Amino acid sequence: MTWFFSLQDTLFSFLEKGGGVVLLISLLVVLMWFFIFERIWYFTFVHPAVEKDTIDKWSKVPEHKSWKGHMVRSMLVSKANLQIRSNLELIRVCVAIAPLFGLLGTIVGMIEVFHILAVTGGGDAKAMAGGVARSTIPAMAGLMAAIPASIAARWLEQNAKKKSDLLSEHLTYE
């Protein structure tokens, strides 16, 4: 249990040193990983039933090669693709925003450093060094949030494309 309190102290210290922008990045990380795990849940547990249902609906279409058959197939594939690609764009946006929030935190930190420089006349090197160190924390947090989420997002996109292609192949015109 001691490790938990040590971890908690470290996280709170990190949030305190990084400022409000790190808290914003933390909230973004929670939201981003919620959507990533939602997509993993969908592909693992929900999509097989959606795929089966779509194939069953297609098998009930009497004439696959007719104009109506083509339209029904197009509608079924489009409807399934909407579910397959749900939240992927939102995940990509979160991945892109995380480093930008980090950059914002760095800029805010550097403004504080320049303020210290203006107030002290540049004589307090320790305060300036602390400000510079503090200003790099949000950039690090933004990159730490974006890099693994970027890998996860890419995997989800590849998985979505594979599922979409497989579904299209299953709905043949016979």
N, C-alpha and C. Protein backbone atom coordinates (compact mmCIF):
# COMPACT_ATOMS: atom_id res chain seq x y z
N MET A 1 0.82 -1.19 0.00
CA MET A 1 0.00 0.00 0.00
C MET A 1 0.87 1.26 0.00
N THR A 2 2.08 1.14 0.49
CA THR A 2 2.99 2.28 0.52
C THR A 2 3.33 2.74 -0.89
N TRP A 3 3.45 1.79 -1.81
CA TRP A 3 3.76 2.13 -3.19
C TRP A 3 2.67 3.02 -3.79
N PHE A 4 1.41 2.77 -3.38
CA PHE A 4 0.29 3.56 -3.89
C PHE A 4 0.42 5.02 -3.47
N PHE A 5 0.73 5.23 -2.19
CA PHE A 5 0.86 6.60 -1.69
C PHE A 5 2.08 7.29 -2.31
N SER A 6 3.13 6.52 -2.54
CA SER A 6 4.31 7.08 -3.19
C SER A 6 3.98 7.49 -4.63
N LEU A 7 3.25 6.64 -5.33
CA LEU A 7 2.83 6.96 -6.69
C LEU A 7 1.91 8.18 -6.70
N GLN A 8 1.00 8.22 -5.77
CA GLN A 8 0.07 9.34 -5.65
C GLN A 8 0.83 10.65 -5.41
N ASP A 9 1.80 10.62 -4.50
CA ASP A 9 2.60 11.81 -4.23
C ASP A 9 3.37 12.26 -5.47
N THR A 10 3.92 11.30 -6.19
CA THR A 10 4.66 11.62 -7.41
C THR A 10 3.75 12.26 -8.46
N LEU A 11 2.56 11.68 -8.64
CA LEU A 11 1.63 12.24 -9.62
C LEU A 11 1.18 13.64 -9.24
N PHE A 12 0.85 13.85 -7.97
CA PHE A 12 0.42 15.19 -7.53
C PHE A 12 1.56 16.19 -7.67
N SER A 13 2.78 15.76 -7.39
CA SER A 13 3.94 16.64 -7.55
C SER A 13 4.12 17.01 -9.03
N PHE A 14 3.97 16.02 -9.89
CA PHE A 14 4.07 16.25 -11.34
C PHE A 14 3.01 17.24 -11.81
N LEU A 15 1.77 17.05 -11.34
CA LEU A 15 0.69 17.96 -11.71
C LEU A 15 0.94 19.37 -11.19
N GLU A 16 1.45 19.46 -9.97
CA GLU A 16 1.72 20.76 -9.36
C GLU A 16 2.83 21.50 -10.11
N LYS A 17 3.89 20.78 -10.44
CA LYS A 17 5.01 21.41 -11.14
C LYS A 17 4.64 21.80 -12.57
N GLY A 18 3.81 20.99 -13.20
CA GLY A 18 3.45 21.26 -14.59
C GLY A 18 2.39 22.31 -14.77
N GLY A 19 1.63 22.58 -13.74
CA GLY A 19 0.61 23.61 -13.82
C GLY A 19 -0.71 23.10 -14.38
N GLY A 20 -1.58 24.04 -14.66
CA GLY A 20 -2.93 23.72 -15.11
C GLY A 20 -2.99 23.01 -16.44
N VAL A 21 -2.01 23.26 -17.29
CA VAL A 21 -2.02 22.63 -18.61
C VAL A 21 -1.80 21.12 -18.48
N VAL A 22 -0.99 20.70 -17.52
CA VAL A 22 -0.77 19.26 -17.32
C VAL A 22 -2.07 18.60 -16.85
N LEU A 23 -2.84 19.30 -16.05
CA LEU A 23 -4.15 18.78 -15.64
C LEU A 23 -5.05 18.64 -16.87
N LEU A 24 -5.02 19.61 -17.74
CA LEU A 24 -5.79 19.55 -18.98
C LEU A 24 -5.34 18.36 -19.84
N ILE A 25 -4.03 18.16 -19.93
CA ILE A 25 -3.50 17.01 -20.69
C ILE A 25 -3.95 15.71 -20.04
N SER A 26 -3.95 15.66 -18.71
CA SER A 26 -4.39 14.46 -17.99
C SER A 26 -5.84 14.14 -18.30
N LEU A 27 -6.69 15.15 -18.33
CA LEU A 27 -8.10 14.93 -18.67
C LEU A 27 -8.23 14.45 -20.11
N LEU A 28 -7.43 15.02 -21.00
CA LEU A 28 -7.44 14.59 -22.39
C LEU A 28 -7.00 13.13 -22.51
N VAL A 29 -6.00 12.74 -21.74
CA VAL A 29 -5.51 11.35 -21.76
C VAL A 29 -6.61 10.39 -21.33
N VAL A 30 -7.31 10.74 -20.26
CA VAL A 30 -8.40 9.88 -19.78
C VAL A 30 -9.47 9.73 -20.87
N LEU A 31 -9.86 10.84 -21.47
CA LEU A 31 -10.87 10.81 -22.53
C LEU A 31 -10.38 9.99 -23.73
N MET A 32 -9.15 10.23 -24.14
CA MET A 32 -8.58 9.56 -25.30
C MET A 32 -8.52 8.04 -25.09
N TRP A 33 -8.02 7.62 -23.93
CA TRP A 33 -7.92 6.18 -23.68
C TRP A 33 -9.27 5.55 -23.43
N PHE A 34 -10.25 6.32 -22.97
CA PHE A 34 -11.61 5.79 -22.87
C PHE A 34 -12.10 5.39 -24.26
N PHE A 35 -11.91 6.28 -25.23
CA PHE A 35 -12.35 5.99 -26.59
C PHE A 35 -11.52 4.87 -27.23
N ILE A 36 -10.25 4.80 -26.94
CA ILE A 36 -9.42 3.71 -27.47
C ILE A 36 -9.91 2.37 -26.93
N PHE A 37 -10.15 2.29 -25.63
CA PHE A 37 -10.63 1.02 -25.05
C PHE A 37 -12.05 0.71 -25.52
N GLU A 38 -12.84 1.75 -25.78
CA GLU A 38 -14.19 1.51 -26.31
C GLU A 38 -14.10 0.84 -27.68
N ARG A 39 -13.17 1.31 -28.52
CA ARG A 39 -12.99 0.71 -29.84
C ARG A 39 -12.47 -0.72 -29.73
N ILE A 40 -11.56 -0.97 -28.82
CA ILE A 40 -11.06 -2.33 -28.61
C ILE A 40 -12.21 -3.24 -28.18
N TRP A 41 -13.05 -2.73 -27.28
CA TRP A 41 -14.23 -3.49 -26.82
C TRP A 41 -15.15 -3.77 -28.01
N TYR A 42 -15.38 -2.76 -28.82
CA TYR A 42 -16.26 -2.93 -29.98
C TYR A 42 -15.72 -4.01 -30.92
N PHE A 43 -14.44 -3.91 -31.30
CA PHE A 43 -13.87 -4.87 -32.24
C PHE A 43 -13.84 -6.28 -31.67
N THR A 44 -13.67 -6.40 -30.36
CA THR A 44 -13.57 -7.72 -29.75
C THR A 44 -14.93 -8.37 -29.50
N PHE A 45 -15.88 -7.60 -28.98
CA PHE A 45 -17.13 -8.19 -28.52
C PHE A 45 -18.36 -7.81 -29.34
N VAL A 46 -18.42 -6.62 -29.88
CA VAL A 46 -19.63 -6.16 -30.56
C VAL A 46 -19.59 -6.43 -32.06
N HIS A 47 -18.46 -6.16 -32.68
CA HIS A 47 -18.38 -6.27 -34.14
C HIS A 47 -18.72 -7.66 -34.69
N PRO A 48 -18.31 -8.75 -34.05
CA PRO A 48 -18.70 -10.05 -34.61
C PRO A 48 -20.22 -10.21 -34.77
N ALA A 49 -20.98 -9.70 -33.80
CA ALA A 49 -22.44 -9.77 -33.91
C ALA A 49 -22.96 -8.84 -35.00
N VAL A 50 -22.37 -7.67 -35.13
CA VAL A 50 -22.77 -6.73 -36.19
C VAL A 50 -22.47 -7.33 -37.56
N GLU A 51 -21.30 -7.95 -37.68
CA GLU A 51 -20.92 -8.58 -38.95
C GLU A 51 -21.89 -9.71 -39.30
N LYS A 52 -22.20 -10.54 -38.33
CA LYS A 52 -23.13 -11.65 -38.56
C LYS A 52 -24.50 -11.13 -38.96
N ASP A 53 -24.97 -10.11 -38.27
CA ASP A 53 -26.28 -9.52 -38.57
C ASP A 53 -26.30 -8.93 -39.98
N THR A 54 -25.22 -8.26 -40.36
CA THR A 54 -25.14 -7.67 -41.70
C THR A 54 -25.14 -8.75 -42.77
N ILE A 55 -24.40 -9.81 -42.55
CA ILE A 55 -24.36 -10.93 -43.52
C ILE A 55 -25.72 -11.60 -43.60
N ASP A 56 -26.39 -11.77 -42.46
CA ASP A 56 -27.73 -12.36 -42.45
C ASP A 56 -28.72 -11.50 -43.24
N LYS A 57 -28.65 -10.19 -43.05
CA LYS A 57 -29.55 -9.30 -43.81
C LYS A 57 -29.27 -9.39 -45.30
N TRP A 58 -27.99 -9.48 -45.66
CA TRP A 58 -27.63 -9.59 -47.07
C TRP A 58 -28.11 -10.90 -47.67
N SER A 59 -28.05 -11.96 -46.89
CA SER A 59 -28.48 -13.27 -47.41
C SER A 59 -29.99 -13.31 -47.66
N LYS A 60 -30.74 -12.42 -47.03
CA LYS A 60 -32.20 -12.38 -47.22
C LYS A 60 -32.62 -11.53 -48.42
N VAL A 61 -31.67 -10.85 -49.02
CA VAL A 61 -31.98 -10.06 -50.22
C VAL A 61 -32.16 -11.04 -51.38
N PRO A 62 -33.33 -10.99 -52.06
CA PRO A 62 -33.61 -12.02 -53.07
C PRO A 62 -32.71 -11.94 -54.31
N GLU A 63 -32.46 -10.76 -54.83
CA GLU A 63 -31.67 -10.64 -56.05
C GLU A 63 -30.45 -9.77 -55.78
N HIS A 64 -29.31 -10.39 -55.62
CA HIS A 64 -28.09 -9.66 -55.30
C HIS A 64 -27.58 -8.82 -56.47
N LYS A 65 -27.82 -9.28 -57.70
CA LYS A 65 -27.26 -8.59 -58.86
C LYS A 65 -28.14 -7.47 -59.40
N SER A 66 -29.32 -7.33 -58.86
CA SER A 66 -30.22 -6.27 -59.33
C SER A 66 -29.77 -4.91 -58.78
N TRP A 67 -30.39 -3.86 -59.35
CA TRP A 67 -30.09 -2.51 -58.87
C TRP A 67 -30.43 -2.39 -57.40
N LYS A 68 -31.57 -2.95 -57.01
CA LYS A 68 -31.99 -2.91 -55.60
C LYS A 68 -30.98 -3.67 -54.73
N GLY A 69 -30.49 -4.78 -55.21
CA GLY A 69 -29.49 -5.55 -54.47
C GLY A 69 -28.21 -4.75 -54.26
N HIS A 70 -27.79 -4.04 -55.30
CA HIS A 70 -26.59 -3.19 -55.19
C HIS A 70 -26.80 -2.09 -54.15
N MET A 71 -28.00 -1.50 -54.17
CA MET A 71 -28.30 -0.42 -53.21
C MET A 71 -28.36 -0.95 -51.78
N VAL A 72 -28.95 -2.13 -51.59
CA VAL A 72 -29.03 -2.72 -50.26
C VAL A 72 -27.63 -3.06 -49.76
N ARG A 73 -26.80 -3.62 -50.64
CA ARG A 73 -25.42 -3.94 -50.24
C ARG A 73 -24.67 -2.68 -49.85
N SER A 74 -24.81 -1.65 -50.65
CA SER A 74 -24.14 -0.38 -50.36
C SER A 74 -24.60 0.18 -49.02
N MET A 75 -25.89 0.10 -48.75
CA MET A 75 -26.44 0.59 -47.49
C MET A 75 -25.92 -0.23 -46.30
N LEU A 76 -25.89 -1.54 -46.45
CA LEU A 76 -25.42 -2.41 -45.37
C LEU A 76 -23.94 -2.16 -45.06
N VAL A 77 -23.13 -2.04 -46.11
CA VAL A 77 -21.70 -1.78 -45.92
C VAL A 77 -21.49 -0.41 -45.28
N SER A 78 -22.22 0.58 -45.75
CA SER A 78 -22.07 1.94 -45.19
C SER A 78 -22.47 1.98 -43.73
N LYS A 79 -23.57 1.32 -43.40
CA LYS A 79 -24.04 1.30 -42.01
C LYS A 79 -23.02 0.60 -41.11
N ALA A 80 -22.47 -0.50 -41.57
CA ALA A 80 -21.46 -1.22 -40.78
C ALA A 80 -20.19 -0.38 -40.65
N ASN A 81 -19.80 0.30 -41.73
CA ASN A 81 -18.59 1.14 -41.69
C ASN A 81 -18.74 2.30 -40.73
N LEU A 82 -19.94 2.85 -40.61
CA LEU A 82 -20.16 3.90 -39.62
C LEU A 82 -19.86 3.40 -38.21
N GLN A 83 -20.31 2.18 -37.93
CA GLN A 83 -20.04 1.60 -36.61
C GLN A 83 -18.57 1.25 -36.45
N ILE A 84 -17.96 0.72 -37.50
CA ILE A 84 -16.55 0.33 -37.44
C ILE A 84 -15.66 1.54 -37.20
N ARG A 85 -15.95 2.64 -37.87
CA ARG A 85 -15.09 3.83 -37.81
C ARG A 85 -15.50 4.83 -36.73
N SER A 86 -16.51 4.49 -35.96
CA SER A 86 -16.98 5.39 -34.90
C SER A 86 -15.84 5.73 -33.93
N ASN A 87 -15.71 7.00 -33.61
CA ASN A 87 -14.74 7.54 -32.64
C ASN A 87 -13.29 7.52 -33.11
N LEU A 88 -12.98 6.95 -34.26
CA LEU A 88 -11.59 6.93 -34.72
C LEU A 88 -11.08 8.34 -35.01
N GLU A 89 -11.92 9.16 -35.60
CA GLU A 89 -11.52 10.54 -35.90
C GLU A 89 -11.31 11.32 -34.60
N LEU A 90 -12.18 11.09 -33.63
CA LEU A 90 -12.04 11.75 -32.33
C LEU A 90 -10.72 11.36 -31.65
N ILE A 91 -10.36 10.09 -31.75
CA ILE A 91 -9.09 9.63 -31.18
C ILE A 91 -7.92 10.33 -31.89
N ARG A 92 -7.99 10.43 -33.22
CA ARG A 92 -6.92 11.10 -33.96
C ARG A 92 -6.80 12.57 -33.57
N VAL A 93 -7.93 13.22 -33.34
CA VAL A 93 -7.90 14.63 -32.91
C VAL A 93 -7.26 14.75 -31.54
N CYS A 94 -7.62 13.85 -30.62
CA CYS A 94 -7.02 13.88 -29.28
C CYS A 94 -5.52 13.66 -29.34
N VAL A 95 -5.08 12.74 -30.20
CA VAL A 95 -3.65 12.49 -30.36
C VAL A 95 -2.94 13.74 -30.88
N ALA A 96 -3.58 14.45 -31.79
CA ALA A 96 -2.97 15.66 -32.36
C ALA A 96 -2.96 16.81 -31.36
N ILE A 97 -3.97 16.88 -30.51
CA ILE A 97 -4.09 18.00 -29.57
C ILE A 97 -3.14 17.86 -28.39
N ALA A 98 -2.86 16.65 -27.95
CA ALA A 98 -2.03 16.45 -26.74
C ALA A 98 -0.68 17.18 -26.82
N PRO A 99 0.11 17.02 -27.88
CA PRO A 99 1.38 17.75 -27.92
C PRO A 99 1.18 19.27 -28.03
N LEU A 100 0.08 19.68 -28.63
CA LEU A 100 -0.20 21.12 -28.72
C LEU A 100 -0.49 21.70 -27.35
N PHE A 101 -1.22 20.94 -26.53
CA PHE A 101 -1.42 21.37 -25.14
C PHE A 101 -0.08 21.45 -24.41
N GLY A 102 0.80 20.49 -24.68
CA GLY A 102 2.13 20.52 -24.08
C GLY A 102 2.90 21.76 -24.50
N LEU A 103 2.80 22.11 -25.76
CA LEU A 103 3.45 23.32 -26.26
C LEU A 103 2.86 24.56 -25.59
N LEU A 104 1.55 24.58 -25.42
CA LEU A 104 0.91 25.69 -24.72
C LEU A 104 1.46 25.83 -23.31
N GLY A 105 1.59 24.70 -22.61
CA GLY A 105 2.16 24.74 -21.26
C GLY A 105 3.59 25.24 -21.24
N THR A 106 4.36 24.87 -22.24
CA THR A 106 5.74 25.35 -22.34
C THR A 106 5.77 26.86 -22.56
N ILE A 107 4.90 27.34 -23.40
CA ILE A 107 4.84 28.78 -23.65
C ILE A 107 4.43 29.53 -22.39
N VAL A 108 3.43 29.02 -21.68
CA VAL A 108 3.01 29.64 -20.42
C VAL A 108 4.16 29.65 -19.43
N GLY A 109 4.89 28.54 -19.34
CA GLY A 109 6.04 28.46 -18.44
C GLY A 109 7.14 29.45 -18.81
N MET A 110 7.38 29.59 -20.10
CA MET A 110 8.42 30.54 -20.53
C MET A 110 7.99 31.98 -20.28
N ILE A 111 6.70 32.26 -20.38
CA ILE A 111 6.22 33.60 -20.04
C ILE A 111 6.51 33.89 -18.57
N GLU A 112 6.31 32.88 -17.71
CA GLU A 112 6.64 33.05 -16.29
C GLU A 112 8.14 33.31 -16.11
N VAL A 113 8.97 32.60 -16.87
CA VAL A 113 10.42 32.81 -16.79
C VAL A 113 10.77 34.23 -17.21
N PHE A 114 10.17 34.70 -18.29
CA PHE A 114 10.44 36.07 -18.73
C PHE A 114 9.95 37.09 -17.71
N HIS A 115 8.85 36.77 -17.04
CA HIS A 115 8.36 37.67 -15.98
C HIS A 115 9.38 37.73 -14.83
N ILE A 116 9.90 36.58 -14.43
CA ILE A 116 10.92 36.54 -13.37
C ILE A 116 12.15 37.33 -13.82
N LEU A 117 12.52 37.15 -15.07
CA LEU A 117 13.66 37.87 -15.63
C LEU A 117 13.43 39.39 -15.58
N ALA A 118 12.21 39.81 -15.91
CA ALA A 118 11.90 41.24 -15.90
C ALA A 118 11.87 41.80 -14.48
N VAL A 119 11.32 41.03 -13.53
CA VAL A 119 11.19 41.51 -12.15
C VAL A 119 12.54 41.54 -11.45
N THR A 120 13.34 40.50 -11.63
CA THR A 120 14.61 40.40 -10.91
C THR A 120 15.77 41.01 -11.68
N GLY A 121 15.55 41.36 -12.91
CA GLY A 121 16.63 41.92 -13.70
C GLY A 121 17.63 40.87 -14.15
N GLY A 122 17.26 39.61 -14.10
CA GLY A 122 18.13 38.54 -14.55
C GLY A 122 19.11 38.06 -13.50
N GLY A 123 18.98 38.56 -12.29
CA GLY A 123 19.94 38.19 -11.25
C GLY A 123 19.61 36.90 -10.54
N ASP A 124 18.40 36.39 -10.68
CA ASP A 124 18.01 35.18 -9.95
C ASP A 124 18.02 33.98 -10.90
N ALA A 125 19.21 33.46 -11.13
CA ALA A 125 19.37 32.34 -12.07
C ALA A 125 18.66 31.09 -11.58
N LYS A 126 18.61 30.88 -10.28
CA LYS A 126 17.95 29.70 -9.72
C LYS A 126 16.45 29.73 -10.02
N ALA A 127 15.82 30.88 -9.86
CA ALA A 127 14.39 31.00 -10.15
C ALA A 127 14.13 30.80 -11.63
N MET A 128 15.01 31.34 -12.47
CA MET A 128 14.84 31.17 -13.91
C MET A 128 15.03 29.72 -14.32
N ALA A 129 16.01 29.04 -13.75
CA ALA A 129 16.25 27.63 -14.08
C ALA A 129 15.05 26.78 -13.66
N GLY A 130 14.50 27.09 -12.49
CA GLY A 130 13.31 26.36 -12.03
C GLY A 130 12.13 26.59 -12.97
N GLY A 131 11.98 27.82 -13.45
CA GLY A 131 10.91 28.13 -14.39
C GLY A 131 11.08 27.43 -15.72
N VAL A 132 12.32 27.37 -16.20
CA VAL A 132 12.59 26.67 -17.46
C VAL A 132 12.31 25.18 -17.29
N ALA A 133 12.75 24.61 -16.17
CA ALA A 133 12.50 23.19 -15.92
C ALA A 133 11.00 22.92 -15.83
N ARG A 134 10.28 23.82 -15.16
CA ARG A 134 8.84 23.66 -15.02
C ARG A 134 8.13 23.79 -16.37
N SER A 135 8.68 24.60 -17.24
CA SER A 135 8.02 24.82 -18.54
C SER A 135 8.19 23.63 -19.48
N THR A 136 9.14 22.75 -19.22
CA THR A 136 9.31 21.57 -20.09
C THR A 136 8.40 20.42 -19.69
N ILE A 137 7.88 20.44 -18.48
CA ILE A 137 7.01 19.35 -18.01
C ILE A 137 5.76 19.20 -18.87
N PRO A 138 5.05 20.28 -19.20
CA PRO A 138 3.86 20.09 -20.06
C PRO A 138 4.20 19.52 -21.44
N ALA A 139 5.32 19.93 -22.02
CA ALA A 139 5.71 19.38 -23.32
C ALA A 139 5.96 17.88 -23.21
N MET A 140 6.64 17.49 -22.15
CA MET A 140 6.90 16.06 -21.93
C MET A 140 5.58 15.31 -21.73
N ALA A 141 4.67 15.89 -20.94
CA ALA A 141 3.39 15.24 -20.69
C ALA A 141 2.59 15.10 -21.98
N GLY A 142 2.60 16.13 -22.81
CA GLY A 142 1.87 16.06 -24.08
C GLY A 142 2.42 14.99 -25.00
N LEU A 143 3.74 14.88 -25.06
CA LEU A 143 4.35 13.85 -25.90
C LEU A 143 4.13 12.46 -25.33
N MET A 144 4.22 12.34 -24.00
CA MET A 144 3.98 11.04 -23.36
C MET A 144 2.54 10.60 -23.57
N ALA A 145 1.63 11.53 -23.70
CA ALA A 145 0.23 11.20 -23.96
C ALA A 145 0.04 10.81 -25.42
N ALA A 146 0.68 11.53 -26.32
CA ALA A 146 0.42 11.36 -27.75
C ALA A 146 1.10 10.14 -28.36
N ILE A 147 2.30 9.82 -27.93
CA ILE A 147 3.06 8.76 -28.60
C ILE A 147 2.39 7.39 -28.47
N PRO A 148 2.08 6.90 -27.26
CA PRO A 148 1.42 5.59 -27.21
C PRO A 148 0.01 5.61 -27.80
N ALA A 149 -0.70 6.73 -27.63
CA ALA A 149 -2.04 6.82 -28.20
C ALA A 149 -1.98 6.84 -29.73
N SER A 150 -0.93 7.41 -30.29
CA SER A 150 -0.76 7.41 -31.74
C SER A 150 -0.57 5.99 -32.26
N ILE A 151 0.19 5.20 -31.54
CA ILE A 151 0.39 3.80 -31.91
C ILE A 151 -0.93 3.04 -31.82
N ALA A 152 -1.67 3.27 -30.74
CA ALA A 152 -2.97 2.61 -30.57
C ALA A 152 -3.95 3.05 -31.66
N ALA A 153 -3.96 4.33 -31.98
CA ALA A 153 -4.86 4.84 -33.01
C ALA A 153 -4.54 4.22 -34.37
N ARG A 154 -3.26 4.09 -34.67
CA ARG A 154 -2.87 3.48 -35.95
C ARG A 154 -3.30 2.02 -36.00
N TRP A 155 -3.14 1.29 -34.90
CA TRP A 155 -3.57 -0.10 -34.85
C TRP A 155 -5.09 -0.19 -35.03
N LEU A 156 -5.83 0.70 -34.39
CA LEU A 156 -7.28 0.70 -34.52
C LEU A 156 -7.71 1.00 -35.95
N GLU A 157 -7.03 1.94 -36.60
CA GLU A 157 -7.36 2.27 -37.99
C GLU A 157 -7.10 1.08 -38.92
N GLN A 158 -5.98 0.39 -38.71
CA GLN A 158 -5.69 -0.79 -39.53
C GLN A 158 -6.72 -1.89 -39.27
N ASN A 159 -7.09 -2.06 -38.01
CA ASN A 159 -8.08 -3.06 -37.66
C ASN A 159 -9.43 -2.71 -38.29
N ALA A 160 -9.80 -1.44 -38.25
CA ALA A 160 -11.06 -1.00 -38.84
C ALA A 160 -11.07 -1.26 -40.34
N LYS A 161 -9.96 -0.95 -41.01
CA LYS A 161 -9.89 -1.18 -42.45
C LYS A 161 -10.00 -2.66 -42.77
N LYS A 162 -9.32 -3.49 -41.98
CA LYS A 162 -9.38 -4.93 -42.20
C LYS A 162 -10.80 -5.45 -42.01
N LYS A 163 -11.47 -5.01 -40.94
CA LYS A 163 -12.85 -5.45 -40.68
C LYS A 163 -13.78 -4.99 -41.80
N SER A 164 -13.60 -3.76 -42.26
CA SER A 164 -14.43 -3.22 -43.33
C SER A 164 -14.22 -4.00 -44.63
N ASP A 165 -12.97 -4.27 -44.97
CA ASP A 165 -12.67 -5.01 -46.19
C ASP A 165 -13.22 -6.43 -46.13
N LEU A 166 -13.08 -7.08 -44.97
CA LEU A 166 -13.60 -8.44 -44.82
C LEU A 166 -15.11 -8.47 -44.96
N LEU A 167 -15.77 -7.48 -44.39
CA LEU A 167 -17.23 -7.43 -44.49
C LEU A 167 -17.66 -7.23 -45.94
N SER A 168 -16.97 -6.35 -46.65
CA SER A 168 -17.29 -6.13 -48.07
C SER A 168 -17.10 -7.40 -48.88
N GLU A 169 -16.07 -8.17 -48.55
CA GLU A 169 -15.82 -9.43 -49.26
C GLU A 169 -16.90 -10.47 -48.96
N HIS A 170 -17.44 -10.46 -47.75
CA HIS A 170 -18.48 -11.42 -47.40
C HIS A 170 -19.80 -11.13 -48.12
N LEU A 171 -20.04 -9.89 -48.45
CA LEU A 171 -21.28 -9.52 -49.13
C LEU A 171 -21.06 -9.58 -50.64
N THR A 172 -21.01 -10.80 -51.16
CA THR A 172 -20.74 -10.99 -52.59
C THR A 172 -22.04 -10.92 -53.38
N TYR A 173 -21.89 -10.68 -54.69
CA TYR A 173 -23.05 -10.59 -55.57
C TYR A 173 -23.49 -11.94 -56.11
N GLU A 174 -22.76 -12.96 -55.90
CA GLU A 174 -23.04 -14.34 -56.35
C GLU A 174 -23.36 -14.38 -57.81
